[in-house]
Every structure is written in C-alpha cells, then in structure tokens.
Amino acid sequence: MTMNSLTLFTGMLIKKLLCTNICHFLMFRFPCRILKEKALDDLPLYKSLLEQFTTMELIDQAKLCTLYESELKKGTKDSPATSVFDNSTEGKKRWVDLRNRVVEHNIRILAK
C-alpha cells in the first residue's frame, strides 16, 4: 500500500469517527479491530489520534490541537494531508465536528 493510499484510508477512518453517536458505539465495541489495521502502523500519529477516542480517559482539547492539527490540516513530507480537514467550508466544518466529538467523548467519560 502506498503512502497516499494509507493517508486516504486514514482520512476515511477519521471521517467515520466524525459522523454520529454510532461511531462512538463502534469505536468502543470494536477498538481492537480498528487499531489492528496494518495501514495504521505506517501512520503512527493517526493511530495515536484514534487511540485517544478508544480509551476511558479525558482528552485534552488544547493538547489534541497542538499534536494533531497541523498534520491533519496540512500534512507532512511523510504523511500528505487528506482533504478531510482542508481549507474548504466542509473541511472547516469537519474540524469543528472533531472538536465537538472530543467534548462528547469527555462528557461520556465523566458520566461513567
């Protein structure tokens, strides 16, 4: 699998993460299956992001932005950006959705 197809695959996973509460259910029901995807081994930052949502720990919003925002929006030499969080209206909306998913995750954790 090429790096571009790996990045595309990971972008699709992130889009699924942003969709609905069903995603939360799937992430907690099948986290091992998602995180065992071999493609994620080549993209450790993306794997780390997904792991954040599969733990029963609070996610620090500011730290998440510091660690992931640049690579998710702009990419790097080794990990090209996907169109998921591009500068389009949809890309900006998805970034807001991701931040909302962090809040929802934290509320679920605090509720337990």
PDB file of N, CA and C in Angstrom:
ATOM      1  N   MET A   1       0.850  -1.175   0.000  1.00  0.00           N
ATOM      2  CA  MET A   1       0.000   0.000   0.000  1.00  0.00           C
ATOM      3  C   MET A   1       0.895   1.237   0.000  1.00  0.00           C
ATOM      4  N   THR A   2       0.621   2.176  -0.879  1.00  0.00           N
ATOM      5  CA  THR A   2       1.428   3.391  -0.957  1.00  0.00           C
ATOM      6  C   THR A   2       1.045   4.358   0.149  1.00  0.00           C
ATOM      7  N   MET A   3       1.924   5.345   0.376  1.00  0.00           N
ATOM      8  CA  MET A   3       1.661   6.318   1.434  1.00  0.00           C
ATOM      9  C   MET A   3       0.393   7.114   1.133  1.00  0.00           C
ATOM     10  N   ASN A   4       0.149   7.454  -0.135  1.00  0.00           N
ATOM     11  CA  ASN A   4      -1.068   8.204  -0.477  1.00  0.00           C
ATOM     12  C   ASN A   4      -2.321   7.394  -0.171  1.00  0.00           C
ATOM     13  N   SER A   5      -2.299   6.097  -0.478  1.00  0.00           N
ATOM     14  CA  SER A   5      -3.481   5.283  -0.181  1.00  0.00           C
ATOM     15  C   SER A   5      -3.632   5.074   1.320  1.00  0.00           C
ATOM     16  N   LEU A   6      -2.511   5.017   2.057  1.00  0.00           N
ATOM     17  CA  LEU A   6      -2.587   4.912   3.520  1.00  0.00           C
ATOM     18  C   LEU A   6      -3.227   6.170   4.099  1.00  0.00           C
ATOM     19  N   THR A   7      -2.808   7.297   3.596  1.00  0.00           N
ATOM     20  CA  THR A   7      -3.362   8.555   4.091  1.00  0.00           C
ATOM     21  C   THR A   7      -4.839   8.657   3.745  1.00  0.00           C
ATOM     22  N   LEU A   8      -5.198   8.232   2.550  1.00  0.00           N
ATOM     23  CA  LEU A   8      -6.607   8.232   2.145  1.00  0.00           C
ATOM     24  C   LEU A   8      -7.423   7.317   3.052  1.00  0.00           C
ATOM     25  N   PHE A   9      -6.893   6.127   3.340  1.00  0.00           N
ATOM     26  CA  PHE A   9      -7.563   5.174   4.225  1.00  0.00           C
ATOM     27  C   PHE A   9      -7.780   5.795   5.603  1.00  0.00           C
ATOM     28  N   THR A  10      -6.742   6.425   6.123  1.00  0.00           N
ATOM     29  CA  THR A  10      -6.846   7.036   7.442  1.00  0.00           C
ATOM     30  C   THR A  10      -7.823   8.193   7.425  1.00  0.00           C
ATOM     31  N   GLY A  11      -7.833   8.958   6.346  1.00  0.00           N
ATOM     32  CA  GLY A  11      -8.801  10.044   6.211  1.00  0.00           C
ATOM     33  C   GLY A  11     -10.222   9.515   6.259  1.00  0.00           C
ATOM     34  N   MET A  12     -10.440   8.361   5.629  1.00  0.00           N
ATOM     35  CA  MET A  12     -11.778   7.753   5.658  1.00  0.00           C
ATOM     36  C   MET A  12     -12.133   7.331   7.078  1.00  0.00           C
ATOM     37  N   LEU A  13     -11.159   6.796   7.830  1.00  0.00           N
ATOM     38  CA  LEU A  13     -11.429   6.416   9.219  1.00  0.00           C
ATOM     39  C   LEU A  13     -11.820   7.639  10.042  1.00  0.00           C
ATOM     40  N   ILE A  14     -11.111   8.738   9.825  1.00  0.00           N
ATOM     41  CA  ILE A  14     -11.413   9.953  10.579  1.00  0.00           C
ATOM     42  C   ILE A  14     -12.792  10.479  10.211  1.00  0.00           C
ATOM     43  N   LYS A  15     -13.153  10.434   8.937  1.00  0.00           N
ATOM     44  CA  LYS A  15     -14.499  10.863   8.541  1.00  0.00           C
ATOM     45  C   LYS A  15     -15.552  10.036   9.254  1.00  0.00           C
ATOM     46  N   LYS A  16     -15.315   8.728   9.369  1.00  0.00           N
ATOM     47  CA  LYS A  16     -16.269   7.861  10.063  1.00  0.00           C
ATOM     48  C   LYS A  16     -16.345   8.227  11.540  1.00  0.00           C
ATOM     49  N   LEU A  17     -15.209   8.596  12.120  1.00  0.00           N
ATOM     50  CA  LEU A  17     -15.178   8.997  13.517  1.00  0.00           C
ATOM     51  C   LEU A  17     -16.045  10.222  13.749  1.00  0.00           C
ATOM     52  N   LEU A  18     -16.130  11.085  12.762  1.00  0.00           N
ATOM     53  CA  LEU A  18     -16.855  12.341  12.917  1.00  0.00           C
ATOM     54  C   LEU A  18     -18.351  12.215  12.715  1.00  0.00           C
ATOM     55  N   CYS A  19     -18.836  11.087  12.228  1.00  0.00           N
ATOM     56  CA  CYS A  19     -20.219  11.031  11.767  1.00  0.00           C
ATOM     57  C   CYS A  19     -21.264  11.160  12.868  1.00  0.00           C
ATOM     58  N   THR A  20     -21.475  10.161  13.709  1.00  0.00           N
ATOM     59  CA  THR A  20     -22.583  10.211  14.668  1.00  0.00           C
ATOM     60  C   THR A  20     -22.234   9.452  15.936  1.00  0.00           C
ATOM     61  N   ASN A  21     -23.220   9.320  16.804  1.00  0.00           N
ATOM     62  CA  ASN A  21     -23.034   8.532  18.018  1.00  0.00           C
ATOM     63  C   ASN A  21     -22.805   7.058  17.707  1.00  0.00           C
ATOM     64  N   ILE A  22     -23.238   6.619  16.537  1.00  0.00           N
ATOM     65  CA  ILE A  22     -22.976   5.235  16.131  1.00  0.00           C
ATOM     66  C   ILE A  22     -21.473   5.002  16.093  1.00  0.00           C
ATOM     67  N   CYS A  23     -20.741   6.015  15.687  1.00  0.00           N
ATOM     68  CA  CYS A  23     -19.280   5.902  15.631  1.00  0.00           C
ATOM     69  C   CYS A  23     -18.719   5.657  17.027  1.00  0.00           C
ATOM     70  N   HIS A  24     -19.262   6.361  18.002  1.00  0.00           N
ATOM     71  CA  HIS A  24     -18.803   6.151  19.379  1.00  0.00           C
ATOM     72  C   HIS A  24     -19.043   4.705  19.784  1.00  0.00           C
ATOM     73  N   PHE A  25     -20.223   4.202  19.476  1.00  0.00           N
ATOM     74  CA  PHE A  25     -20.552   2.818  19.788  1.00  0.00           C
ATOM     75  C   PHE A  25     -19.560   1.865  19.122  1.00  0.00           C
ATOM     76  N   LEU A  26     -19.286   2.076  17.847  1.00  0.00           N
ATOM     77  CA  LEU A  26     -18.373   1.193  17.117  1.00  0.00           C
ATOM     78  C   LEU A  26     -16.950   1.289  17.637  1.00  0.00           C
ATOM     79  N   MET A  27     -16.520   2.499  17.984  1.00  0.00           N
ATOM     80  CA  MET A  27     -15.155   2.674  18.473  1.00  0.00           C
ATOM     81  C   MET A  27     -14.950   1.933  19.792  1.00  0.00           C
ATOM     82  N   PHE A  28     -15.974   1.918  20.642  1.00  0.00           N
ATOM     83  CA  PHE A  28     -15.822   1.226  21.913  1.00  0.00           C
ATOM     84  C   PHE A  28     -16.119  -0.264  21.809  1.00  0.00           C
ATOM     85  N   ARG A  29     -16.936  -0.670  20.854  1.00  0.00           N
ATOM     86  CA  ARG A  29     -17.232  -2.093  20.673  1.00  0.00           C
ATOM     87  C   ARG A  29     -16.112  -2.825  19.948  1.00  0.00           C
ATOM     88  N   PHE A  30     -15.512  -2.151  18.991  1.00  0.00           N
ATOM     89  CA  PHE A  30     -14.525  -2.812  18.144  1.00  0.00           C
ATOM     90  C   PHE A  30     -13.201  -2.054  18.061  1.00  0.00           C
ATOM     91  N   PRO A  31     -12.707  -1.491  19.172  1.00  0.00           N
ATOM     92  CA  PRO A  31     -11.479  -0.700  19.073  1.00  0.00           C
ATOM     93  C   PRO A  31     -10.283  -1.533  18.637  1.00  0.00           C
ATOM     94  N   CYS A  32     -10.219  -2.757  19.099  1.00  0.00           N
ATOM     95  CA  CYS A  32      -9.082  -3.602  18.747  1.00  0.00           C
ATOM     96  C   CYS A  32      -9.043  -3.853  17.245  1.00  0.00           C
ATOM     97  N   ARG A  33     -10.189  -4.049  16.666  1.00  0.00           N
ATOM     98  CA  ARG A  33     -10.245  -4.322  15.229  1.00  0.00           C
ATOM     99  C   ARG A  33      -9.784  -3.109  14.428  1.00  0.00           C
ATOM    100  N   ILE A  34     -10.243  -1.946  14.809  1.00  0.00           N
ATOM    101  CA  ILE A  34      -9.863  -0.727  14.107  1.00  0.00           C
ATOM    102  C   ILE A  34      -8.370  -0.460  14.282  1.00  0.00           C
ATOM    103  N   LEU A  35      -7.890  -0.560  15.514  1.00  0.00           N
ATOM    104  CA  LEU A  35      -6.493  -0.231  15.779  1.00  0.00           C
ATOM    105  C   LEU A  35      -5.521  -1.293  15.271  1.00  0.00           C
ATOM    106  N   LYS A  36      -6.009  -2.475  14.915  1.00  0.00           N
ATOM    107  CA  LYS A  36      -5.133  -3.521  14.376  1.00  0.00           C
ATOM    108  C   LYS A  36      -4.949  -3.417  12.871  1.00  0.00           C
ATOM    109  N   GLU A  37      -5.601  -2.443  12.247  1.00  0.00           N
ATOM    110  CA  GLU A  37      -5.421  -2.247  10.820  1.00  0.00           C
ATOM    111  C   GLU A  37      -3.942  -1.999  10.548  1.00  0.00           C
ATOM    112  N   LYS A  38      -3.357  -2.812   9.696  1.00  0.00           N
ATOM    113  CA  LYS A  38      -1.929  -2.702   9.400  1.00  0.00           C
ATOM    114  C   LYS A  38      -1.576  -1.340   8.815  1.00  0.00           C
ATOM    115  N   ALA A  39      -2.494  -0.739   8.091  1.00  0.00           N
ATOM    116  CA  ALA A  39      -2.232   0.566   7.484  1.00  0.00           C
ATOM    117  C   ALA A  39      -1.916   1.616   8.550  1.00  0.00           C
ATOM    118  N   LEU A  40      -2.508   1.485   9.715  1.00  0.00           N
ATOM    119  CA  LEU A  40      -2.266   2.464  10.776  1.00  0.00           C
ATOM    120  C   LEU A  40      -0.852   2.385  11.339  1.00  0.00           C
ATOM    121  N   ASP A  41      -0.202   1.235  11.208  1.00  0.00           N
ATOM    122  CA  ASP A  41       1.169   1.111  11.698  1.00  0.00           C
ATOM    123  C   ASP A  41       2.115   2.050  10.966  1.00  0.00           C
ATOM    124  N   ASP A  42       1.781   2.368   9.720  1.00  0.00           N
ATOM    125  CA  ASP A  42       2.615   3.274   8.937  1.00  0.00           C
ATOM    126  C   ASP A  42       2.277   4.741   9.188  1.00  0.00           C
ATOM    127  N   LEU A  43       1.214   4.986   9.924  1.00  0.00           N
ATOM    128  CA  LEU A  43       0.791   6.357  10.240  1.00  0.00           C
ATOM    129  C   LEU A  43       0.574   6.479  11.749  1.00  0.00           C
ATOM    130  N   PRO A  44       1.663   6.490  12.522  1.00  0.00           N
ATOM    131  CA  PRO A  44       1.531   6.449  13.986  1.00  0.00           C
ATOM    132  C   PRO A  44       0.760   7.620  14.579  1.00  0.00           C
ATOM    133  N   LEU A  45       0.855   8.790  13.970  1.00  0.00           N
ATOM    134  CA  LEU A  45       0.123   9.934  14.524  1.00  0.00           C
ATOM    135  C   LEU A  45      -1.383   9.735  14.393  1.00  0.00           C
ATOM    136  N   TYR A  46      -1.812   9.196  13.257  1.00  0.00           N
ATOM    137  CA  TYR A  46      -3.232   8.933  13.051  1.00  0.00           C
ATOM    138  C   TYR A  46      -3.709   7.827  14.005  1.00  0.00           C
ATOM    139  N   LYS A  47      -2.868   6.814  14.182  1.00  0.00           N
ATOM    140  CA  LYS A  47      -3.220   5.730  15.106  1.00  0.00           C
ATOM    141  C   LYS A  47      -3.350   6.277  16.527  1.00  0.00           C
ATOM    142  N   SER A  48      -2.442   7.153  16.888  1.00  0.00           N
ATOM    143  CA  SER A  48      -2.484   7.764  18.210  1.00  0.00           C
ATOM    144  C   SER A  48      -3.771   8.564  18.408  1.00  0.00           C
ATOM    145  N   LEU A  49      -4.198   9.278  17.365  1.00  0.00           N
ATOM    146  CA  LEU A  49      -5.447  10.037  17.437  1.00  0.00           C
ATOM    147  C   LEU A  49      -6.629   9.101  17.673  1.00  0.00           C
ATOM    148  N   LEU A  50      -6.686   8.017  16.935  1.00  0.00           N
ATOM    149  CA  LEU A  50      -7.791   7.066  17.109  1.00  0.00           C
ATOM    150  C   LEU A  50      -7.758   6.435  18.503  1.00  0.00           C
ATOM    151  N   GLU A  51      -6.559   6.166  19.018  1.00  0.00           N
ATOM    152  CA  GLU A  51      -6.438   5.584  20.359  1.00  0.00           C
ATOM    153  C   GLU A  51      -7.010   6.525  21.420  1.00  0.00           C
ATOM    154  N   GLN A  52      -6.884   7.826  21.189  1.00  0.00           N
ATOM    155  CA  GLN A  52      -7.427   8.798  22.136  1.00  0.00           C
ATOM    156  C   GLN A  52      -8.919   8.564  22.380  1.00  0.00           C
ATOM    157  N   PHE A  53      -9.625   8.204  21.326  1.00  0.00           N
ATOM    158  CA  PHE A  53     -11.069   8.034  21.416  1.00  0.00           C
ATOM    159  C   PHE A  53     -11.483   6.638  21.887  1.00  0.00           C
ATOM    160  N   THR A  54     -10.543   5.726  22.016  1.00  0.00           N
ATOM    161  CA  THR A  54     -10.895   4.376  22.442  1.00  0.00           C
ATOM    162  C   THR A  54     -10.510   4.116  23.891  1.00  0.00           C
ATOM    163  N   THR A  55      -9.979   5.117  24.562  1.00  0.00           N
ATOM    164  CA  THR A  55      -9.632   4.952  25.976  1.00  0.00           C
ATOM    165  C   THR A  55     -10.729   5.553  26.850  1.00  0.00           C
ATOM    166  N   MET A  56     -10.714   5.198  28.082  1.00  0.00           N
ATOM    167  CA  MET A  56     -11.675   5.741  29.040  1.00  0.00           C
ATOM    168  C   MET A  56     -11.044   6.909  29.799  1.00  0.00           C
ATOM    169  N   GLU A  57     -10.283   7.724  29.080  1.00  0.00           N
ATOM    170  CA  GLU A  57      -9.617   8.873  29.674  1.00  0.00           C
ATOM    171  C   GLU A  57     -10.080  10.152  28.979  1.00  0.00           C
ATOM    172  N   LEU A  58     -10.047  11.237  29.739  1.00  0.00           N
ATOM    173  CA  LEU A  58     -10.400  12.532  29.160  1.00  0.00           C
ATOM    174  C   LEU A  58      -9.368  12.930  28.110  1.00  0.00           C
ATOM    175  N   ILE A  59      -9.837  13.621  27.082  1.00  0.00           N
ATOM    176  CA  ILE A  59      -8.950  14.127  26.038  1.00  0.00           C
ATOM    177  C   ILE A  59      -8.787  15.623  26.257  1.00  0.00           C
ATOM    178  N   ASP A  60      -7.555  16.070  26.336  1.00  0.00           N
ATOM    179  CA  ASP A  60      -7.256  17.492  26.488  1.00  0.00           C
ATOM    180  C   ASP A  60      -7.371  18.149  25.110  1.00  0.00           C
ATOM    181  N   GLN A  61      -8.379  19.000  24.953  1.00  0.00           N
ATOM    182  CA  GLN A  61      -8.665  19.645  23.671  1.00  0.00           C
ATOM    183  C   GLN A  61      -7.460  20.431  23.138  1.00  0.00           C
ATOM    184  N   ALA A  62      -6.820  21.210  24.005  1.00  0.00           N
ATOM    185  CA  ALA A  62      -5.682  22.021  23.582  1.00  0.00           C
ATOM    186  C   ALA A  62      -4.514  21.137  23.147  1.00  0.00           C
ATOM    187  N   LYS A  63      -4.276  20.087  23.900  1.00  0.00           N
ATOM    188  CA  LYS A  63      -3.181  19.166  23.554  1.00  0.00           C
ATOM    189  C   LYS A  63      -3.479  18.455  22.235  1.00  0.00           C
ATOM    190  N   LEU A  64      -4.722  18.072  22.033  1.00  0.00           N
ATOM    191  CA  LEU A  64      -5.109  17.423  20.787  1.00  0.00           C
ATOM    192  C   LEU A  64      -4.825  18.349  19.605  1.00  0.00           C
ATOM    193  N   CYS A  65      -5.187  19.606  19.736  1.00  0.00           N
ATOM    194  CA  CYS A  65      -4.936  20.566  18.652  1.00  0.00           C
ATOM    195  C   CYS A  65      -3.438  20.745  18.423  1.00  0.00           C
ATOM    196  N   THR A  66      -2.671  20.836  19.494  1.00  0.00           N
ATOM    197  CA  THR A  66      -1.226  21.005  19.374  1.00  0.00           C
ATOM    198  C   THR A  66      -0.587  19.814  18.669  1.00  0.00           C
ATOM    199  N   LEU A  67      -1.011  18.619  19.040  1.00  0.00           N
ATOM    200  CA  LEU A  67      -0.390  17.407  18.494  1.00  0.00           C
ATOM    201  C   LEU A  67      -0.831  17.080  17.074  1.00  0.00           C
ATOM    202  N   TYR A  68      -2.092  17.331  16.750  1.00  0.00           N
ATOM    203  CA  TYR A  68      -2.640  16.788  15.506  1.00  0.00           C
ATOM    204  C   TYR A  68      -3.071  17.808  14.455  1.00  0.00           C
ATOM    205  N   GLU A  69      -3.371  19.025  14.853  1.00  0.00           N
ATOM    206  CA  GLU A  69      -3.979  19.970  13.913  1.00  0.00           C
ATOM    207  C   GLU A  69      -3.128  20.216  12.664  1.00  0.00           C
ATOM    208  N   SER A  70      -1.865  20.486  12.852  1.00  0.00           N
ATOM    209  CA  SER A  70      -1.007  20.806  11.710  1.00  0.00           C
ATOM    210  C   SER A  70      -0.941  19.660  10.711  1.00  0.00           C
ATOM    211  N   GLU A  71      -0.705  18.444  11.211  1.00  0.00           N
ATOM    212  CA  GLU A  71      -0.596  17.306  10.292  1.00  0.00           C
ATOM    213  C   GLU A  71      -1.930  16.969   9.643  1.00  0.00           C
ATOM    214  N   LEU A  72      -3.009  17.048  10.393  1.00  0.00           N
ATOM    215  CA  LEU A  72      -4.308  16.725   9.819  1.00  0.00           C
ATOM    216  C   LEU A  72      -4.731  17.737   8.758  1.00  0.00           C
ATOM    217  N   LYS A  73      -4.399  19.008   8.975  1.00  0.00           N
ATOM    218  CA  LYS A  73      -4.817  20.037   8.027  1.00  0.00           C
ATOM    219  C   LYS A  73      -3.835  20.220   6.873  1.00  0.00           C
ATOM    220  N   LYS A  74      -2.530  20.137   7.162  1.00  0.00           N
ATOM    221  CA  LYS A  74      -1.525  20.449   6.145  1.00  0.00           C
ATOM    222  C   LYS A  74      -0.701  19.246   5.701  1.00  0.00           C
ATOM    223  N   GLY A  75      -0.627  18.219   6.540  1.00  0.00           N
ATOM    224  CA  GLY A  75       0.184  17.062   6.210  1.00  0.00           C
ATOM    225  C   GLY A  75       1.665  17.328   6.447  1.00  0.00           C
ATOM    226  N   THR A  76       2.471  16.313   6.173  1.00  0.00           N
ATOM    227  CA  THR A  76       3.922  16.429   6.274  1.00  0.00           C
ATOM    228  C   THR A  76       4.528  15.750   5.051  1.00  0.00           C
ATOM    229  N   LYS A  77       5.832  15.769   4.977  1.00  0.00           N
ATOM    230  CA  LYS A  77       6.518  15.107   3.870  1.00  0.00           C
ATOM    231  C   LYS A  77       6.204  13.605   3.862  1.00  0.00           C
ATOM    232  N   ASP A  78       6.186  13.002   5.037  1.00  0.00           N
ATOM    233  CA  ASP A  78       5.940  11.562   5.152  1.00  0.00           C
ATOM    234  C   ASP A  78       4.465  11.200   5.176  1.00  0.00           C
ATOM    235  N   SER A  79       3.621  12.150   5.491  1.00  0.00           N
ATOM    236  CA  SER A  79       2.187  11.884   5.619  1.00  0.00           C
ATOM    237  C   SER A  79       1.404  13.013   4.977  1.00  0.00           C
ATOM    238  N   PRO A  80       1.146  12.917   3.678  1.00  0.00           N
ATOM    239  CA  PRO A  80       0.437  14.004   2.991  1.00  0.00           C
ATOM    240  C   PRO A  80      -0.953  14.234   3.578  1.00  0.00           C
ATOM    241  N   ALA A  81      -1.395  15.466   3.508  1.00  0.00           N
ATOM    242  CA  ALA A  81      -2.717  15.819   4.028  1.00  0.00           C
ATOM    243  C   ALA A  81      -3.812  15.165   3.185  1.00  0.00           C
ATOM    244  N   THR A  82      -4.903  14.847   3.830  1.00  0.00           N
ATOM    245  CA  THR A  82      -6.083  14.375   3.114  1.00  0.00           C
ATOM    246  C   THR A  82      -6.984  15.588   2.895  1.00  0.00           C
ATOM    247  N   SER A  83      -8.062  15.405   2.226  1.00  0.00           N
ATOM    248  CA  SER A  83      -8.999  16.514   2.027  1.00  0.00           C
ATOM    249  C   SER A  83     -10.005  16.610   3.179  1.00  0.00           C
ATOM    250  N   VAL A  84      -9.814  15.792   4.194  1.00  0.00           N
ATOM    251  CA  VAL A  84     -10.772  15.764   5.296  1.00  0.00           C
ATOM    252  C   VAL A  84     -10.851  17.118   6.002  1.00  0.00           C
ATOM    253  N   PHE A  85      -9.706  17.700   6.317  1.00  0.00           N
ATOM    254  CA  PHE A  85      -9.680  18.962   7.058  1.00  0.00           C
ATOM    255  C   PHE A  85      -9.060  20.075   6.223  1.00  0.00           C
ATOM    256  N   ASP A  86      -9.312  20.076   4.930  1.00  0.00           N
ATOM    257  CA  ASP A  86      -8.749  21.115   4.072  1.00  0.00           C
ATOM    258  C   ASP A  86      -9.386  22.471   4.389  1.00  0.00           C
ATOM    259  N   ASN A  87      -9.026  23.483   3.645  1.00  0.00           N
ATOM    260  CA  ASN A  87      -9.478  24.846   3.940  1.00  0.00           C
ATOM    261  C   ASN A  87     -10.858  25.157   3.357  1.00  0.00           C
ATOM    262  N   SER A  88     -11.550  24.138   2.860  1.00  0.00           N
ATOM    263  CA  SER A  88     -12.892  24.343   2.325  1.00  0.00           C
ATOM    264  C   SER A  88     -13.899  24.499   3.467  1.00  0.00           C
ATOM    265  N   THR A  89     -15.110  24.882   3.112  1.00  0.00           N
ATOM    266  CA  THR A  89     -16.173  25.009   4.112  1.00  0.00           C
ATOM    267  C   THR A  89     -16.408  23.668   4.805  1.00  0.00           C
ATOM    268  N   GLU A  90     -16.433  22.597   4.016  1.00  0.00           N
ATOM    269  CA  GLU A  90     -16.639  21.255   4.589  1.00  0.00           C
ATOM    270  C   GLU A  90     -15.474  20.855   5.497  1.00  0.00           C
ATOM    271  N   GLY A  91     -14.254  21.160   5.075  1.00  0.00           N
ATOM    272  CA  GLY A  91     -13.079  20.836   5.883  1.00  0.00           C
ATOM    273  C   GLY A  91     -13.095  21.554   7.220  1.00  0.00           C
ATOM    274  N   LYS A  92     -13.474  22.818   7.198  1.00  0.00           N
ATOM    275  CA  LYS A  92     -13.563  23.591   8.442  1.00  0.00           C
ATOM    276  C   LYS A  92     -14.674  23.040   9.331  1.00  0.00           C
ATOM    277  N   LYS A  93     -15.791  22.643   8.718  1.00  0.00           N
ATOM    278  CA  LYS A  93     -16.895  22.056   9.485  1.00  0.00           C
ATOM    279  C   LYS A  93     -16.456  20.747  10.127  1.00  0.00           C
ATOM    280  N   ARG A  94     -15.682  19.939   9.418  1.00  0.00           N
ATOM    281  CA  ARG A  94     -15.203  18.665   9.980  1.00  0.00           C
ATOM    282  C   ARG A  94     -14.264  18.906  11.161  1.00  0.00           C
ATOM    283  N   TRP A  95     -13.465  19.970  11.089  1.00  0.00           N
ATOM    284  CA  TRP A  95     -12.576  20.266  12.212  1.00  0.00           C
ATOM    285  C   TRP A  95     -13.405  20.630  13.443  1.00  0.00           C
ATOM    286  N   VAL A  96     -14.447  21.425  13.251  1.00  0.00           N
ATOM    287  CA  VAL A  96     -15.351  21.765  14.354  1.00  0.00           C
ATOM    288  C   VAL A  96     -16.025  20.489  14.873  1.00  0.00           C
ATOM    289  N   ASP A  97     -16.419  19.608  13.959  1.00  0.00           N
ATOM    290  CA  ASP A  97     -17.036  18.334  14.361  1.00  0.00           C
ATOM    291  C   ASP A  97     -16.079  17.497  15.207  1.00  0.00           C
ATOM    292  N   LEU A  98     -14.808  17.461  14.820  1.00  0.00           N
ATOM    293  CA  LEU A  98     -13.825  16.700  15.597  1.00  0.00           C
ATOM    294  C   LEU A  98     -13.725  17.268  17.008  1.00  0.00           C
ATOM    295  N   ARG A  99     -13.663  18.578  17.102  1.00  0.00           N
ATOM    296  CA  ARG A  99     -13.588  19.205  18.423  1.00  0.00           C
ATOM    297  C   ARG A  99     -14.856  18.893  19.238  1.00  0.00           C
ATOM    298  N   ASN A 100     -16.006  18.873  18.577  1.00  0.00           N
ATOM    299  CA  ASN A 100     -17.251  18.508  19.265  1.00  0.00           C
ATOM    300  C   ASN A 100     -17.217  17.055  19.721  1.00  0.00           C
ATOM    301  N   ARG A 101     -16.627  16.178  18.938  1.00  0.00           N
ATOM    302  CA  ARG A 101     -16.522  14.762  19.328  1.00  0.00           C
ATOM    303  C   ARG A 101     -15.640  14.610  20.566  1.00  0.00           C
ATOM    304  N   VAL A 102     -14.637  15.470  20.692  1.00  0.00           N
ATOM    305  CA  VAL A 102     -13.795  15.445  21.894  1.00  0.00           C
ATOM    306  C   VAL A 102     -14.637  15.818  23.111  1.00  0.00           C
ATOM    307  N   VAL A 103     -15.444  16.852  22.969  1.00  0.00           N
ATOM    308  CA  VAL A 103     -16.318  17.265  24.076  1.00  0.00           C
ATOM    309  C   VAL A 103     -17.288  16.132  24.426  1.00  0.00           C
ATOM    310  N   GLU A 104     -17.901  15.528  23.423  1.00  0.00           N
ATOM    311  CA  GLU A 104     -18.842  14.424  23.665  1.00  0.00           C
ATOM    312  C   GLU A 104     -18.143  13.250  24.337  1.00  0.00           C
ATOM    313  N   HIS A 105     -16.930  12.930  23.883  1.00  0.00           N
ATOM    314  CA  HIS A 105     -16.158  11.842  24.491  1.00  0.00           C
ATOM    315  C   HIS A 105     -15.923  12.159  25.971  1.00  0.00           C
ATOM    316  N   ASN A 106     -15.502  13.373  26.267  1.00  0.00           N
ATOM    317  CA  ASN A 106     -15.213  13.747  27.643  1.00  0.00           C
ATOM    318  C   ASN A 106     -16.465  13.712  28.521  1.00  0.00           C
ATOM    319  N   ILE A 107     -17.599  14.107  27.973  1.00  0.00           N
ATOM    320  CA  ILE A 107     -18.848  14.029  28.732  1.00  0.00           C
ATOM    321  C   ILE A 107     -19.189  12.582  29.050  1.00  0.00           C
ATOM    322  N   ARG A 108     -19.010  11.702  28.076  1.00  0.00           N
ATOM    323  CA  ARG A 108     -19.283  10.265  28.313  1.00  0.00           C
ATOM    324  C   ARG A 108     -18.368   9.706  29.406  1.00  0.00           C
ATOM    325  N   ILE A 109     -17.116  10.108  29.372  1.00  0.00           N
ATOM    326  CA  ILE A 109     -16.160   9.616  30.365  1.00  0.00           C
ATOM    327  C   ILE A 109     -16.540  10.139  31.750  1.00  0.00           C
ATOM    328  N   LEU A 110     -16.891  11.398  31.852  1.00  0.00           N
ATOM    329  CA  LEU A 110     -17.270  11.961  33.140  1.00  0.00           C
ATOM    330  C   LEU A 110     -18.577  11.352  33.660  1.00  0.00           C
ATOM    331  N   ALA A 111     -19.450  10.938  32.764  1.00  0.00           N
ATOM    332  CA  ALA A 111     -20.728  10.367  33.169  1.00  0.00           C
ATOM    333  C   ALA A 111     -20.571   8.964  33.754  1.00  0.00           C
ATOM    334  N   LYS A 112     -19.464   8.328  33.490  1.00  0.00           N
ATOM    335  CA  LYS A 112     -19.298   6.942  33.987  1.00  0.00           C
ATOM    336  C   LYS A 112     -18.746   6.897  35.359  1.00  0.00           C
TER     337      LYS A 112
END
